[in-house]
N, C-alpha and C. Protein backbone atom coordinates (compact mmCIF):
# COMPACT_ATOMS: atom_id res chain seq x y z
N MET A 1 0.85 -1.17 0.00
CA MET A 1 0.00 0.00 0.00
C MET A 1 0.90 1.24 0.00
N ASP A 2 0.49 2.23 -0.77
CA ASP A 2 1.24 3.46 -0.89
C ASP A 2 1.21 4.23 0.43
N GLU A 3 2.37 4.64 0.89
CA GLU A 3 2.49 5.36 2.17
C GLU A 3 1.63 6.63 2.18
N ARG A 4 1.58 7.34 1.06
CA ARG A 4 0.78 8.58 0.98
C ARG A 4 -0.70 8.30 1.17
N VAL A 5 -1.17 7.19 0.65
CA VAL A 5 -2.58 6.82 0.80
C VAL A 5 -2.90 6.54 2.27
N VAL A 6 -2.01 5.85 2.93
CA VAL A 6 -2.19 5.54 4.35
C VAL A 6 -2.20 6.82 5.17
N ILE A 7 -1.25 7.70 4.91
CA ILE A 7 -1.17 8.97 5.64
C ILE A 7 -2.42 9.80 5.40
N GLN A 8 -2.88 9.86 4.16
CA GLN A 8 -4.08 10.64 3.84
C GLN A 8 -5.31 10.05 4.52
N ALA A 9 -5.43 8.74 4.54
CA ALA A 9 -6.57 8.07 5.18
C ALA A 9 -6.58 8.37 6.68
N PHE A 10 -5.41 8.31 7.30
CA PHE A 10 -5.31 8.60 8.73
C PHE A 10 -5.65 10.06 8.99
N THR A 11 -5.12 10.96 8.18
CA THR A 11 -5.40 12.39 8.32
C THR A 11 -6.89 12.67 8.17
N ASP A 12 -7.52 12.06 7.19
CA ASP A 12 -8.96 12.23 6.99
C ASP A 12 -9.74 11.76 8.21
N LYS A 13 -9.33 10.65 8.78
CA LYS A 13 -10.01 10.11 9.96
C LYS A 13 -9.88 11.05 11.15
N ILE A 14 -8.71 11.63 11.34
CA ILE A 14 -8.49 12.58 12.43
C ILE A 14 -9.35 13.82 12.24
N VAL A 15 -9.38 14.36 11.03
CA VAL A 15 -10.18 15.55 10.74
C VAL A 15 -11.66 15.25 11.00
N GLU A 16 -12.11 14.10 10.56
CA GLU A 16 -13.51 13.69 10.78
C GLU A 16 -13.80 13.59 12.28
N TYR A 17 -12.87 13.01 13.04
CA TYR A 17 -13.03 12.87 14.49
C TYR A 17 -13.16 14.25 15.14
N VAL A 18 -12.29 15.16 14.77
CA VAL A 18 -12.31 16.50 15.35
C VAL A 18 -13.62 17.20 15.01
N GLU A 19 -14.01 17.17 13.75
CA GLU A 19 -15.21 17.89 13.31
C GLU A 19 -16.50 17.28 13.85
N ARG A 20 -16.59 15.96 13.89
CA ARG A 20 -17.86 15.31 14.24
C ARG A 20 -17.98 14.98 15.72
N ILE A 21 -16.86 14.78 16.40
CA ILE A 21 -16.91 14.33 17.79
C ILE A 21 -16.35 15.39 18.75
N LEU A 22 -15.12 15.79 18.52
CA LEU A 22 -14.43 16.64 19.49
C LEU A 22 -14.97 18.06 19.53
N ASP A 23 -15.14 18.71 18.38
CA ASP A 23 -15.63 20.09 18.37
C ASP A 23 -16.98 20.24 19.07
N PRO A 24 -17.98 19.40 18.74
CA PRO A 24 -19.25 19.52 19.45
C PRO A 24 -19.13 19.22 20.95
N ALA A 25 -18.27 18.27 21.30
CA ALA A 25 -18.08 17.94 22.72
C ALA A 25 -17.47 19.11 23.47
N VAL A 26 -16.48 19.76 22.87
CA VAL A 26 -15.86 20.93 23.50
C VAL A 26 -16.90 22.01 23.72
N PHE A 27 -17.69 22.29 22.70
CA PHE A 27 -18.73 23.32 22.81
C PHE A 27 -19.73 22.98 23.91
N GLN A 28 -20.26 21.76 23.90
CA GLN A 28 -21.29 21.37 24.86
C GLN A 28 -20.75 21.35 26.29
N ILE A 29 -19.61 20.75 26.48
CA ILE A 29 -19.03 20.65 27.83
C ILE A 29 -18.69 22.04 28.36
N THR A 30 -18.11 22.87 27.53
CA THR A 30 -17.77 24.23 27.95
C THR A 30 -19.02 25.00 28.34
N LYS A 31 -20.06 24.86 27.55
CA LYS A 31 -21.33 25.53 27.83
C LYS A 31 -21.91 25.05 29.16
N GLU A 32 -21.91 23.75 29.38
CA GLU A 32 -22.47 23.20 30.61
C GLU A 32 -21.71 23.67 31.85
N ILE A 33 -20.41 23.69 31.77
CA ILE A 33 -19.60 24.05 32.94
C ILE A 33 -19.64 25.56 33.19
N THR A 34 -19.50 26.35 32.15
CA THR A 34 -19.51 27.80 32.36
C THR A 34 -20.88 28.31 32.79
N ALA A 35 -21.94 27.58 32.48
CA ALA A 35 -23.29 27.98 32.90
C ALA A 35 -23.44 27.95 34.42
N LYS A 36 -22.57 27.25 35.08
CA LYS A 36 -22.61 27.17 36.54
C LYS A 36 -22.11 28.45 37.21
N TYR A 37 -21.47 29.31 36.44
CA TYR A 37 -20.84 30.51 36.98
C TYR A 37 -21.46 31.77 36.40
N LYS A 38 -21.52 32.80 37.23
CA LYS A 38 -21.90 34.12 36.73
C LYS A 38 -20.69 34.71 36.02
N ALA A 39 -20.93 35.58 35.07
CA ALA A 39 -19.84 36.17 34.29
C ALA A 39 -18.79 36.82 35.19
N ILE A 40 -19.22 37.47 36.22
CA ILE A 40 -18.30 38.15 37.13
C ILE A 40 -17.40 37.17 37.89
N GLU A 41 -17.80 35.91 37.96
CA GLU A 41 -17.04 34.89 38.68
C GLU A 41 -15.97 34.21 37.82
N PHE A 42 -16.00 34.43 36.52
CA PHE A 42 -15.08 33.73 35.62
C PHE A 42 -13.61 33.97 35.96
N ALA A 43 -13.23 35.20 36.14
CA ALA A 43 -11.81 35.51 36.39
C ALA A 43 -11.32 34.84 37.66
N ALA A 44 -12.10 34.90 38.70
CA ALA A 44 -11.70 34.33 39.98
C ALA A 44 -11.68 32.80 39.95
N ASN A 45 -12.46 32.21 39.06
CA ASN A 45 -12.59 30.75 39.00
C ASN A 45 -12.03 30.14 37.72
N ARG A 46 -11.20 30.88 37.02
CA ARG A 46 -10.67 30.42 35.74
C ARG A 46 -10.02 29.04 35.84
N GLU A 47 -9.21 28.83 36.86
CA GLU A 47 -8.51 27.55 37.00
C GLU A 47 -9.49 26.41 37.30
N ALA A 48 -10.46 26.65 38.16
CA ALA A 48 -11.46 25.62 38.46
C ALA A 48 -12.27 25.27 37.21
N ILE A 49 -12.64 26.28 36.44
CA ILE A 49 -13.38 26.07 35.20
C ILE A 49 -12.54 25.25 34.23
N ARG A 50 -11.28 25.63 34.08
CA ARG A 50 -10.37 24.91 33.19
C ARG A 50 -10.24 23.45 33.59
N GLN A 51 -10.08 23.20 34.89
CA GLN A 51 -9.94 21.82 35.38
C GLN A 51 -11.20 21.00 35.13
N GLN A 52 -12.36 21.59 35.36
CA GLN A 52 -13.61 20.87 35.13
C GLN A 52 -13.79 20.54 33.65
N ILE A 53 -13.47 21.50 32.78
CA ILE A 53 -13.57 21.26 31.34
C ILE A 53 -12.59 20.16 30.93
N GLU A 54 -11.37 20.24 31.42
CA GLU A 54 -10.35 19.23 31.08
C GLU A 54 -10.78 17.84 31.53
N GLU A 55 -11.30 17.72 32.75
CA GLU A 55 -11.75 16.41 33.25
C GLU A 55 -12.90 15.86 32.40
N ALA A 56 -13.87 16.71 32.10
CA ALA A 56 -15.02 16.26 31.32
C ALA A 56 -14.61 15.86 29.90
N LEU A 57 -13.73 16.65 29.29
CA LEU A 57 -13.28 16.32 27.93
C LEU A 57 -12.44 15.05 27.91
N THR A 58 -11.62 14.87 28.93
CA THR A 58 -10.81 13.66 29.01
C THR A 58 -11.71 12.43 29.08
N LYS A 59 -12.78 12.50 29.87
CA LYS A 59 -13.74 11.40 29.94
C LYS A 59 -14.41 11.17 28.59
N GLU A 60 -14.81 12.26 27.94
CA GLU A 60 -15.50 12.16 26.66
C GLU A 60 -14.59 11.56 25.59
N VAL A 61 -13.35 12.01 25.54
CA VAL A 61 -12.40 11.47 24.56
C VAL A 61 -12.15 9.99 24.83
N GLY A 62 -12.12 9.60 26.09
CA GLY A 62 -11.91 8.21 26.45
C GLY A 62 -13.05 7.30 26.02
N LYS A 63 -14.27 7.84 25.87
CA LYS A 63 -15.43 7.05 25.47
C LYS A 63 -15.40 6.67 24.00
N VAL A 64 -14.76 7.49 23.19
CA VAL A 64 -14.76 7.28 21.74
C VAL A 64 -13.79 6.16 21.42
N SER A 65 -14.29 5.14 20.74
CA SER A 65 -13.45 3.96 20.50
C SER A 65 -12.85 3.91 19.09
N GLY A 66 -13.26 4.78 18.19
CA GLY A 66 -12.81 4.70 16.80
C GLY A 66 -11.34 5.04 16.60
N ILE A 67 -10.80 5.86 17.46
CA ILE A 67 -9.40 6.28 17.31
C ILE A 67 -8.71 6.08 18.64
N GLY A 68 -7.64 5.32 18.65
CA GLY A 68 -6.90 5.10 19.88
C GLY A 68 -5.78 6.11 20.02
N GLY A 69 -5.33 6.29 21.23
CA GLY A 69 -4.18 7.14 21.47
C GLY A 69 -4.44 8.63 21.46
N VAL A 70 -5.71 9.04 21.51
CA VAL A 70 -6.01 10.46 21.57
C VAL A 70 -5.91 10.90 23.01
N ARG A 71 -5.12 11.95 23.24
CA ARG A 71 -4.90 12.42 24.60
C ARG A 71 -4.92 13.94 24.60
N LEU A 72 -5.54 14.51 25.61
CA LEU A 72 -5.55 15.96 25.75
C LEU A 72 -4.29 16.38 26.51
N ASP A 73 -3.59 17.35 25.97
CA ASP A 73 -2.39 17.84 26.65
C ASP A 73 -2.69 19.01 27.56
N ALA A 74 -3.53 19.93 27.11
CA ALA A 74 -3.79 21.13 27.90
C ALA A 74 -5.08 21.78 27.44
N ILE A 75 -5.75 22.39 28.37
CA ILE A 75 -6.94 23.16 28.09
C ILE A 75 -6.66 24.59 28.56
N ARG A 76 -6.94 25.55 27.68
CA ARG A 76 -6.79 26.96 28.07
C ARG A 76 -8.15 27.63 27.99
N VAL A 77 -8.42 28.49 28.93
CA VAL A 77 -9.66 29.26 28.92
C VAL A 77 -9.27 30.70 28.60
N ASN A 78 -9.60 31.12 27.38
CA ASN A 78 -9.27 32.47 26.91
C ASN A 78 -10.51 33.13 26.33
N ASN A 79 -10.49 34.44 26.33
CA ASN A 79 -11.52 35.23 25.64
C ASN A 79 -12.94 34.83 26.01
N VAL A 80 -13.19 34.66 27.28
CA VAL A 80 -14.52 34.31 27.74
C VAL A 80 -15.34 35.59 27.80
N SER A 81 -16.46 35.57 27.10
CA SER A 81 -17.31 36.77 27.13
C SER A 81 -18.76 36.38 27.27
């Protein structure tokens, strides 16, 4: 099998995973967790919010069985409005 075909197939699978699984999960989990806080509380609780989002996303990524070896390295909370 041509190496380029394999690389392209893997790349396509990753893109599909991000678009169909990870992006919606990030949006939903972030929405659920930030809804627990008033806007004025965000700055004071940024680290707690980040940790909760990271834990929830790590669990969600672990549930998906189609792609192995996916790991979250870091979650940043920026530009919250």
